[in-house]
Every structure is written in structure tokens, then in C-alpha cells.
Amino acid sequence: LWKLKAIDKTSEVVSSFAEKLIVYIILCVCFLLLSIGLALLIGYWLGHNFYGFFVMAAFYGIVGLIIHLSRNRLIKTPISNSIIQKFLN
């Protein structure tokens, strides 16, 4: 019985993360295309297309630094809590 429960919980966790992974991949593609379009628009406003890509790179560098500095609170803890909650339910 415990083997069946373990298999059930494991399959539930794996399928939940697979579903989230697919959604995140789709969102990343949309976000990438939006970023390219925004970079081209900013470059058009500034006079050269590559200026827009520099502005977007600086923006993402700052966002990446903020996420890196708060990675435990934003990423590690919620994922750990989600895995624990899935196994305990």
C-alpha cells in the first residue's frame, strides 16, 4: 500500500511540475518576443536599433541582480514549500 501511495504522490508532483514547466516555457517565448519588440521600439526612439538592446540588457541585468540577491525568498522557499505540500496532501 505504501508503494502505491509513494507512486501516486511522486506522479502527482512530477505532473504538477511538468505542467508548470510547459506554461513557463510558453511564457518565456512570449516574453522573449515582447523584449525584442520593445528593444527595437526603444532603439527606434533613440535613433539606433542597438541602443534599445543595450537599454534592455541593462534592465535585465538589474532585474537579474535583484532576483539573485533575493533568490532564497523568491525561488527556493516557494518551490520547497510546494514540493512538501504536494507530498503531505
C-alpha atoms as a PDB file:
ATOM      1  CA  LEU A   1       0.000   0.000   0.000  1.00  0.00           C
ATOM      2  CA  TRP A   2       2.798   2.421   0.846  1.00  0.00           C
ATOM      3  CA  LYS A   3       4.392   1.764  -2.564  1.00  0.00           C
ATOM      4  CA  LEU A   4       1.167   2.766  -4.299  1.00  0.00           C
ATOM      5  CA  LYS A   5       0.884   5.900  -2.174  1.00  0.00           C
ATOM      6  CA  ALA A   6       4.508   6.803  -2.925  1.00  0.00           C
ATOM      7  CA  ILE A   7       3.963   6.265  -6.660  1.00  0.00           C
ATOM      8  CA  ASP A   8       0.785   8.341  -6.545  1.00  0.00           C
ATOM      9  CA  LYS A   9       2.466  11.253  -4.749  1.00  0.00           C
ATOM     10  CA  THR A  10       5.530  11.103  -6.984  1.00  0.00           C
ATOM     11  CA  SER A  11       3.452  11.099 -10.143  1.00  0.00           C
ATOM     12  CA  GLU A  12       1.374  13.990  -8.804  1.00  0.00           C
ATOM     13  CA  VAL A  13       4.495  16.063  -8.059  1.00  0.00           C
ATOM     14  CA  VAL A  14       6.124  15.259 -11.407  1.00  0.00           C
ATOM     15  CA  SER A  15       2.976  16.023 -13.402  1.00  0.00           C
ATOM     16  CA  SER A  16       2.463  19.266 -11.497  1.00  0.00           C
ATOM     17  CA  PHE A  17       5.987  20.422 -12.276  1.00  0.00           C
ATOM     18  CA  ALA A  18       5.737  19.275 -15.895  1.00  0.00           C
ATOM     19  CA  GLU A  19       2.586  21.355 -16.280  1.00  0.00           C
ATOM     20  CA  LYS A  20       4.266  24.382 -14.726  1.00  0.00           C
ATOM     21  CA  LEU A  21       7.336  23.879 -16.907  1.00  0.00           C
ATOM     22  CA  ILE A  22       5.256  23.917 -20.095  1.00  0.00           C
ATOM     23  CA  VAL A  23       3.476  27.092 -19.008  1.00  0.00           C
ATOM     24  CA  TYR A  24       6.797  28.742 -18.103  1.00  0.00           C
ATOM     25  CA  ILE A  25       8.309  27.832 -21.471  1.00  0.00           C
ATOM     26  CA  ILE A  26       5.354  29.385 -23.301  1.00  0.00           C
ATOM     27  CA  LEU A  27       5.580  32.495 -21.124  1.00  0.00           C
ATOM     28  CA  CYS A  28       9.330  32.741 -21.753  1.00  0.00           C
ATOM     29  CA  VAL A  29       8.838  32.629 -25.526  1.00  0.00           C
ATOM     30  CA  CYS A  30       6.166  35.349 -25.306  1.00  0.00           C
ATOM     31  CA  PHE A  31       8.386  37.396 -23.006  1.00  0.00           C
ATOM     32  CA  LEU A  32      11.354  36.986 -25.362  1.00  0.00           C
ATOM     33  CA  LEU A  33       9.369  38.217 -28.368  1.00  0.00           C
ATOM     34  CA  LEU A  34       7.976  41.107 -26.336  1.00  0.00           C
ATOM     35  CA  SER A  35      11.501  42.030 -25.223  1.00  0.00           C
ATOM     36  CA  ILE A  36      12.809  42.029 -28.784  1.00  0.00           C
ATOM     37  CA  GLY A  37       9.925  44.195 -29.919  1.00  0.00           C
ATOM     38  CA  LEU A  38      10.435  46.594 -27.016  1.00  0.00           C
ATOM     39  CA  ALA A  39      14.177  46.767 -27.690  1.00  0.00           C
ATOM     40  CA  LEU A  40      13.521  47.611 -31.340  1.00  0.00           C
ATOM     41  CA  LEU A  41      10.981  50.262 -30.312  1.00  0.00           C
ATOM     42  CA  ILE A  42      13.389  51.860 -27.820  1.00  0.00           C
ATOM     43  CA  GLY A  43      16.128  51.726 -30.453  1.00  0.00           C
ATOM     44  CA  TYR A  44      13.820  53.444 -32.935  1.00  0.00           C
ATOM     45  CA  TRP A  45      13.122  56.203 -30.402  1.00  0.00           C
ATOM     46  CA  LEU A  46      16.836  56.636 -29.640  1.00  0.00           C
ATOM     47  CA  GLY A  47      17.902  56.606 -33.284  1.00  0.00           C
ATOM     48  CA  HIS A  48      19.808  53.315 -33.492  1.00  0.00           C
ATOM     49  CA  ASN A  49      18.388  49.837 -33.006  1.00  0.00           C
ATOM     50  CA  PHE A  50      21.333  48.596 -30.955  1.00  0.00           C
ATOM     51  CA  TYR A  51      20.718  51.293 -28.307  1.00  0.00           C
ATOM     52  CA  GLY A  52      17.413  49.626 -27.497  1.00  0.00           C
ATOM     53  CA  PHE A  53      19.139  46.290 -26.971  1.00  0.00           C
ATOM     54  CA  PHE A  54      21.682  47.954 -24.651  1.00  0.00           C
ATOM     55  CA  VAL A  55      18.855  49.512 -22.623  1.00  0.00           C
ATOM     56  CA  MET A  56      17.026  46.187 -22.381  1.00  0.00           C
ATOM     57  CA  ALA A  57      20.248  44.368 -21.416  1.00  0.00           C
ATOM     58  CA  ALA A  58      20.864  46.889 -18.615  1.00  0.00           C
ATOM     59  CA  PHE A  59      17.279  46.490 -17.412  1.00  0.00           C
ATOM     60  CA  TYR A  60      17.528  42.688 -17.375  1.00  0.00           C
ATOM     61  CA  GLY A  61      20.923  42.896 -15.674  1.00  0.00           C
ATOM     62  CA  ILE A  62      19.402  44.938 -12.850  1.00  0.00           C
ATOM     63  CA  VAL A  63      16.392  42.602 -12.583  1.00  0.00           C
ATOM     64  CA  GLY A  64      18.725  39.580 -12.576  1.00  0.00           C
ATOM     65  CA  LEU A  65      20.815  41.104  -9.791  1.00  0.00           C
ATOM     66  CA  ILE A  66      17.714  41.766  -7.678  1.00  0.00           C
ATOM     67  CA  ILE A  67      16.470  38.208  -8.229  1.00  0.00           C
ATOM     68  CA  HIS A  68      19.911  36.802  -7.408  1.00  0.00           C
ATOM     69  CA  LEU A  69      20.092  38.741  -4.160  1.00  0.00           C
ATOM     70  CA  SER A  70      16.649  37.559  -3.051  1.00  0.00           C
ATOM     71  CA  ARG A  71      16.707  34.077  -4.618  1.00  0.00           C
ATOM     72  CA  ASN A  72      16.034  32.219  -1.367  1.00  0.00           C
ATOM     73  CA  ARG A  73      12.871  34.185  -0.627  1.00  0.00           C
ATOM     74  CA  LEU A  74      11.605  34.333  -4.225  1.00  0.00           C
ATOM     75  CA  ILE A  75      12.589  30.935  -5.621  1.00  0.00           C
ATOM     76  CA  LYS A  76      13.966  28.360  -3.177  1.00  0.00           C
ATOM     77  CA  THR A  77      11.432  28.659  -0.349  1.00  0.00           C
ATOM     78  CA  PRO A  78       8.256  28.614  -2.511  1.00  0.00           C
ATOM     79  CA  ILE A  79       9.476  25.619  -4.514  1.00  0.00           C
ATOM     80  CA  SER A  80      10.443  23.705  -1.365  1.00  0.00           C
ATOM     81  CA  ASN A  81       7.099  24.505   0.229  1.00  0.00           C
ATOM     82  CA  SER A  82       5.239  23.391  -2.894  1.00  0.00           C
ATOM     83  CA  ILE A  83       7.057  20.042  -3.014  1.00  0.00           C
ATOM     84  CA  ILE A  84       6.454  19.435   0.709  1.00  0.00           C
ATOM     85  CA  GLN A  85       2.786  20.391   0.386  1.00  0.00           C
ATOM     86  CA  LYS A  86       2.297  18.035  -2.577  1.00  0.00           C
ATOM     87  CA  PHE A  87       3.829  15.113  -0.689  1.00  0.00           C
ATOM     88  CA  LEU A  88       1.875  15.772   2.508  1.00  0.00           C
ATOM     89  CA  ASN A  89      -1.559  16.106   0.871  1.00  0.00           C
END
